[in-house]
Amino acid sequence: MEVALIIFALMLLAFVGLGAYLTVKAVGAAKRGVERTVVQARRTVEDTTLRAKSFGQVGVVGALAQVRLDLRTSMRATQQALADGVRVDASLRESLGLFEQLSAHGHELDGELKRLEQEPDRRRTAELLPDLRERAAQITKAADSLRWAARDRARRFAADDLSLLSEQIEMESGALRDWSREPADDLAAAAAEWDAAQSAQAAPAAKPKPTPAAPPAALNPPTPTVQYPWQKAPRPESAG
C-alpha cells in the first residue's frame, strides 16, 4: 500500500511539473509574440514619423530624417533577405554574420542621428551632416551589396534547377513519343533471348577424354622361380 502511494505521489508530481513547464513555455512564447508585435508597431510608427519629417520639414531636421529613413530601409531589407536565404542556403551564414557586424554600425549611426534631431544647435548639426551622410551611404552601400549578392545567388540557383528540370522533361517527352518500337517487337525479342538461353543449357556437355588402356602384357613373361622347401635360403653374401 505504501509503495502504491509513493508511486501515485511521484506521478502526481511529474504531472504537476510537466504542467508548470508547459505553462512557462506558453507564457514565454506569448510574451515574445507580444514583444515582437510591440517592436513592429513601434518601428512602423517611427518610420511613418520619419517619412512625415522628410517630406514636411526642410533644412537640417528633414535631412536627418531622410538619412535615417534610407538607412533603416536598406538595413531592414538586407536583414530580411539574408534571413530568408539562409533557410535554404547554409552558405549565407557567413554573410549573415558580416551583416550583424554592419548592423552594429548602423544602429550606432541611427542613434546618433536620432539624438541630433533634438539638438537645438542647428548650425553645428548642419556642419556634421555631410560626415553623417557619408557614413550612412557607406553602410547602405555595404548592406545593398550583401542583399543583391544573396538575391543573385538565389536567382542563379533557381535558373540552374529550372534548366536541369527542363532537360529531364525533354528527355521524358522524347521517350514518351518513341512509338516506333511496338510491344510485339519487344515480346519477340524477349522470346528469342529465352530460346537462346534454353538452347545453351540443353547443349550436351563435352565428351570426357578416354582413359588410356594399360599396355599389353609381354608375349613370353618370365616363369617365376619355384622355391622348394628343402632348398636352403641363399646367404646374403652370395647374393648379387
Protein backbone atom coordinates (compact mmCIF):
# COMPACT_ATOMS: atom_id res chain seq x y z
CA MET A 1 0.00 0.00 0.00
CA GLU A 2 2.79 2.40 0.87
CA VAL A 3 4.55 1.62 -2.43
CA ALA A 4 1.37 2.42 -4.36
CA LEU A 5 1.01 5.74 -2.53
CA ILE A 6 4.63 6.63 -3.28
CA ILE A 7 4.19 5.81 -6.99
CA PHE A 8 0.96 7.85 -7.11
CA ALA A 9 2.69 10.81 -5.42
CA LEU A 10 5.59 10.65 -7.87
CA MET A 11 3.24 10.53 -10.86
CA LEU A 12 1.29 13.47 -9.46
CA LEU A 13 4.49 15.47 -9.02
CA ALA A 14 5.57 14.58 -12.55
CA PHE A 15 2.25 15.77 -13.99
CA VAL A 16 2.38 18.97 -11.95
CA GLY A 17 5.97 19.63 -13.07
CA LEU A 18 5.10 18.96 -16.71
CA GLY A 19 2.11 21.26 -16.49
CA ALA A 20 4.20 24.01 -14.94
CA TYR A 21 6.87 23.62 -17.64
CA LEU A 22 4.30 23.80 -20.44
CA THR A 23 2.70 26.82 -18.82
CA VAL A 24 6.03 28.63 -18.59
CA LYS A 25 6.80 27.81 -22.21
CA ALA A 26 3.40 29.04 -23.35
CA VAL A 27 3.72 32.24 -21.35
CA GLY A 28 7.21 32.83 -22.72
CA ALA A 29 6.06 32.28 -26.29
CA ALA A 30 3.12 34.63 -25.79
CA LYS A 31 5.40 37.23 -24.22
CA ARG A 32 7.83 37.03 -27.12
CA GLY A 33 4.94 37.35 -29.55
CA VAL A 34 3.69 40.45 -27.77
CA GLU A 35 7.19 41.93 -27.71
CA ARG A 36 7.60 41.34 -31.44
CA THR A 37 4.23 42.95 -32.09
CA VAL A 38 5.13 45.97 -29.96
CA VAL A 39 8.51 46.34 -31.65
CA GLN A 40 6.93 46.05 -35.08
CA ALA A 41 4.27 48.63 -34.22
CA ARG A 42 6.86 51.00 -32.76
CA ARG A 43 9.02 50.59 -35.85
CA THR A 44 6.08 51.31 -38.12
CA VAL A 45 5.17 54.44 -36.17
CA GLU A 46 8.76 55.66 -36.22
CA ASP A 47 9.13 55.07 -39.96
CA THR A 48 5.89 56.91 -40.58
CA THR A 49 7.14 59.82 -38.48
CA LEU A 50 10.42 59.90 -40.38
CA ARG A 51 8.60 59.99 -43.72
CA ALA A 52 6.46 62.83 -42.48
CA LYS A 53 9.53 64.78 -41.32
CA SER A 54 11.46 64.15 -44.53
CA PHE A 55 8.59 65.44 -46.68
CA GLY A 56 7.09 68.04 -44.37
CA GLN A 57 10.17 69.75 -42.99
CA VAL A 58 13.06 71.44 -44.70
CA GLY A 59 16.54 72.10 -43.50
CA VAL A 60 18.55 70.02 -41.09
CA VAL A 61 15.62 68.18 -39.48
CA GLY A 62 14.25 66.99 -42.81
CA ALA A 63 17.72 65.95 -43.99
CA LEU A 64 18.38 63.95 -40.83
CA ALA A 65 15.01 62.24 -41.14
CA GLN A 66 15.72 61.28 -44.76
CA VAL A 67 19.15 59.86 -43.89
CA ARG A 68 17.65 57.80 -41.08
CA LEU A 69 14.83 56.57 -43.28
CA ASP A 70 17.16 55.46 -46.09
CA LEU A 71 19.49 53.76 -43.63
CA ARG A 72 16.73 51.87 -41.82
CA THR A 73 15.02 50.79 -45.04
CA SER A 74 18.22 49.39 -46.53
CA MET A 75 19.26 47.57 -43.36
CA ARG A 76 15.81 46.06 -42.81
CA ALA A 77 15.56 44.83 -46.41
CA THR A 78 19.02 43.25 -46.23
CA GLN A 79 18.28 41.56 -42.91
CA GLN A 80 15.06 40.07 -44.30
CA ALA A 81 16.74 38.88 -47.50
CA LEU A 82 19.58 37.15 -45.64
CA ALA A 83 17.26 35.61 -43.05
CA ASP A 84 15.08 34.17 -45.81
CA GLY A 85 18.05 32.97 -47.84
CA VAL A 86 19.90 31.23 -45.03
CA ARG A 87 16.95 28.86 -44.54
CA VAL A 88 17.61 27.28 -47.94
CA ASP A 89 21.30 28.11 -48.42
CA ALA A 90 23.57 27.47 -45.44
CA SER A 91 26.49 29.21 -47.17
CA LEU A 92 24.80 32.56 -46.41
CA ARG A 93 25.56 32.18 -42.70
CA GLU A 94 28.89 33.92 -43.16
CA SER A 95 27.15 36.78 -44.98
CA LEU A 96 24.63 36.97 -42.15
CA GLY A 97 27.48 37.22 -39.64
CA LEU A 98 29.03 40.09 -41.61
CA PHE A 99 25.68 41.84 -41.71
CA GLU A 100 25.35 41.58 -37.94
CA GLN A 101 28.65 43.43 -37.60
CA LEU A 102 27.48 46.00 -40.12
CA SER A 103 24.18 46.29 -38.28
CA ALA A 104 26.02 47.36 -35.12
CA HIS A 105 27.46 50.35 -37.03
CA GLY A 106 24.02 51.08 -38.46
CA HIS A 107 22.36 51.11 -35.03
CA GLU A 108 25.09 53.39 -33.69
CA LEU A 109 24.64 55.84 -36.55
CA ASP A 110 20.84 55.74 -36.30
CA GLY A 111 21.04 56.55 -32.60
CA GLU A 112 23.38 59.46 -33.29
CA LEU A 113 21.06 60.82 -35.98
CA LYS A 114 18.08 60.46 -33.66
CA ARG A 115 19.85 62.46 -30.93
CA LEU A 116 20.79 65.18 -33.40
CA GLU A 117 17.11 65.62 -34.31
CA GLN A 118 16.62 67.04 -30.83
CA GLU A 119 19.79 69.12 -30.93
CA PRO A 120 18.95 72.83 -30.63
CA ASP A 121 22.20 73.94 -32.26
CA ARG A 122 21.17 73.60 -35.91
CA ARG A 123 24.37 75.18 -37.20
CA ARG A 124 26.56 72.60 -35.51
CA THR A 125 24.26 69.83 -36.72
CA ALA A 126 24.47 71.15 -40.28
CA GLU A 127 28.26 71.00 -40.08
CA LEU A 128 28.11 67.35 -39.03
CA LEU A 129 25.54 66.42 -41.68
CA PRO A 130 27.98 65.74 -44.60
CA ASP A 131 30.01 63.30 -42.49
CA LEU A 132 26.85 61.61 -41.26
CA ARG A 133 25.58 61.24 -44.81
CA GLU A 134 28.89 59.74 -45.91
CA ARG A 135 28.81 57.18 -43.10
CA ALA A 136 25.21 56.33 -43.85
CA ALA A 137 25.99 55.95 -47.56
CA GLN A 138 28.90 53.62 -46.79
CA ILE A 139 26.74 51.41 -44.55
CA THR A 140 23.88 51.44 -47.03
CA LYS A 141 26.18 50.52 -49.91
CA ALA A 142 27.59 47.55 -47.99
CA ALA A 143 24.11 46.38 -47.00
CA ASP A 144 22.83 46.72 -50.57
CA SER A 145 25.82 44.71 -51.84
CA LEU A 146 25.08 41.84 -49.46
CA ARG A 147 21.38 41.90 -50.28
CA TRP A 148 21.78 41.88 -54.06
CA ALA A 149 24.52 39.23 -53.91
CA ALA A 150 22.19 36.95 -51.93
CA ARG A 151 19.36 37.58 -54.38
CA ASP A 152 21.59 36.98 -57.40
CA ARG A 153 22.79 33.70 -55.87
CA ALA A 154 19.24 32.53 -55.23
CA ARG A 155 18.18 33.54 -58.73
CA ARG A 156 21.14 31.67 -60.27
CA PHE A 157 20.32 28.50 -58.32
CA ALA A 158 16.69 28.75 -59.41
CA ALA A 159 17.76 29.16 -63.05
CA ASP A 160 20.09 26.14 -62.85
CA ASP A 161 17.36 24.00 -61.28
CA LEU A 162 14.88 25.09 -63.94
CA SER A 163 17.36 24.31 -66.72
CA LEU A 164 18.05 20.83 -65.35
CA LEU A 165 14.35 20.16 -64.89
CA SER A 166 13.65 21.28 -68.45
CA GLU A 167 16.29 18.88 -69.79
CA GLN A 168 14.80 15.98 -67.83
CA ILE A 169 11.31 16.83 -69.08
CA GLU A 170 12.54 16.96 -72.68
CA MET A 171 14.15 13.53 -72.32
CA GLU A 172 10.99 12.09 -70.79
CA SER A 173 8.85 13.64 -73.50
CA GLY A 174 11.09 12.14 -76.17
CA ALA A 175 10.81 8.72 -74.55
CA LEU A 176 7.02 9.01 -74.42
CA ARG A 177 6.86 9.94 -78.12
CA ASP A 178 9.06 6.97 -79.18
CA TRP A 179 6.29 4.72 -80.51
CA SER A 180 8.40 3.20 -83.36
CA ARG A 181 9.00 0.03 -81.33
CA GLU A 182 5.74 -1.83 -80.83
CA PRO A 183 5.14 -4.01 -77.79
CA ALA A 184 5.01 -7.08 -80.09
CA ASP A 185 8.60 -6.42 -81.16
CA ASP A 186 9.70 -6.28 -77.54
CA LEU A 187 7.92 -9.58 -76.79
CA ALA A 188 9.52 -11.25 -79.83
CA ALA A 189 12.98 -10.08 -78.77
CA ALA A 190 12.40 -11.37 -75.23
CA ALA A 191 11.19 -14.74 -76.57
CA ALA A 192 14.28 -15.07 -78.79
CA GLU A 193 16.56 -14.39 -75.83
CA TRP A 194 14.68 -17.02 -73.78
CA ASP A 195 15.02 -19.64 -76.53
CA ALA A 196 18.73 -18.94 -76.89
CA ALA A 197 19.25 -19.36 -73.14
CA GLN A 198 17.35 -22.67 -73.09
CA SER A 199 19.34 -23.97 -76.07
CA ALA A 200 22.59 -23.11 -74.37
CA GLN A 201 21.55 -25.02 -71.24
CA ALA A 202 20.40 -28.09 -73.21
CA ALA A 203 23.62 -28.44 -75.24
CA PRO A 204 25.47 -31.74 -74.44
CA ALA A 205 28.47 -31.42 -72.30
CA ALA A 206 31.90 -32.10 -73.80
CA LYS A 207 32.77 -35.79 -74.05
CA PRO A 208 35.38 -36.79 -71.47
CA LYS A 209 38.71 -37.94 -72.78
CA PRO A 210 39.03 -41.78 -72.88
CA THR A 211 41.20 -43.27 -70.21
CA PRO A 212 44.34 -44.71 -71.83
CA ALA A 213 44.32 -48.51 -71.73
CA ALA A 214 47.04 -50.37 -69.94
CA PRO A 215 49.87 -51.61 -72.24
CA PRO A 216 49.58 -55.28 -73.33
CA ALA A 217 51.50 -57.87 -71.38
CA ALA A 218 54.68 -59.39 -72.82
CA LEU A 219 54.28 -62.40 -75.11
CA ASN A 220 56.66 -64.62 -73.11
CA PRO A 221 56.57 -63.48 -69.49
CA PRO A 222 59.34 -64.85 -67.27
CA THR A 223 58.43 -68.00 -65.42
CA PRO A 224 58.53 -67.47 -61.67
CA THR A 225 61.19 -69.46 -59.87
CA VAL A 226 59.77 -72.27 -57.74
CA GLN A 227 61.18 -72.45 -54.26
CA TYR A 228 61.25 -75.98 -52.86
CA PRO A 229 61.04 -76.49 -49.14
CA TRP A 230 64.34 -78.48 -48.96
CA GLN A 231 66.36 -75.76 -50.52
CA LYS A 232 68.41 -73.59 -48.24
CA ALA A 233 67.78 -69.90 -48.19
CA PRO A 234 70.53 -68.07 -50.03
CA ARG A 235 73.03 -66.27 -47.83
CA PRO A 236 73.28 -62.53 -48.04
CA GLU A 237 76.92 -62.57 -49.09
CA SER A 238 76.24 -64.85 -52.05
CA ALA A 239 73.55 -62.54 -53.46
CA GLY A 240 74.42 -60.43 -56.44
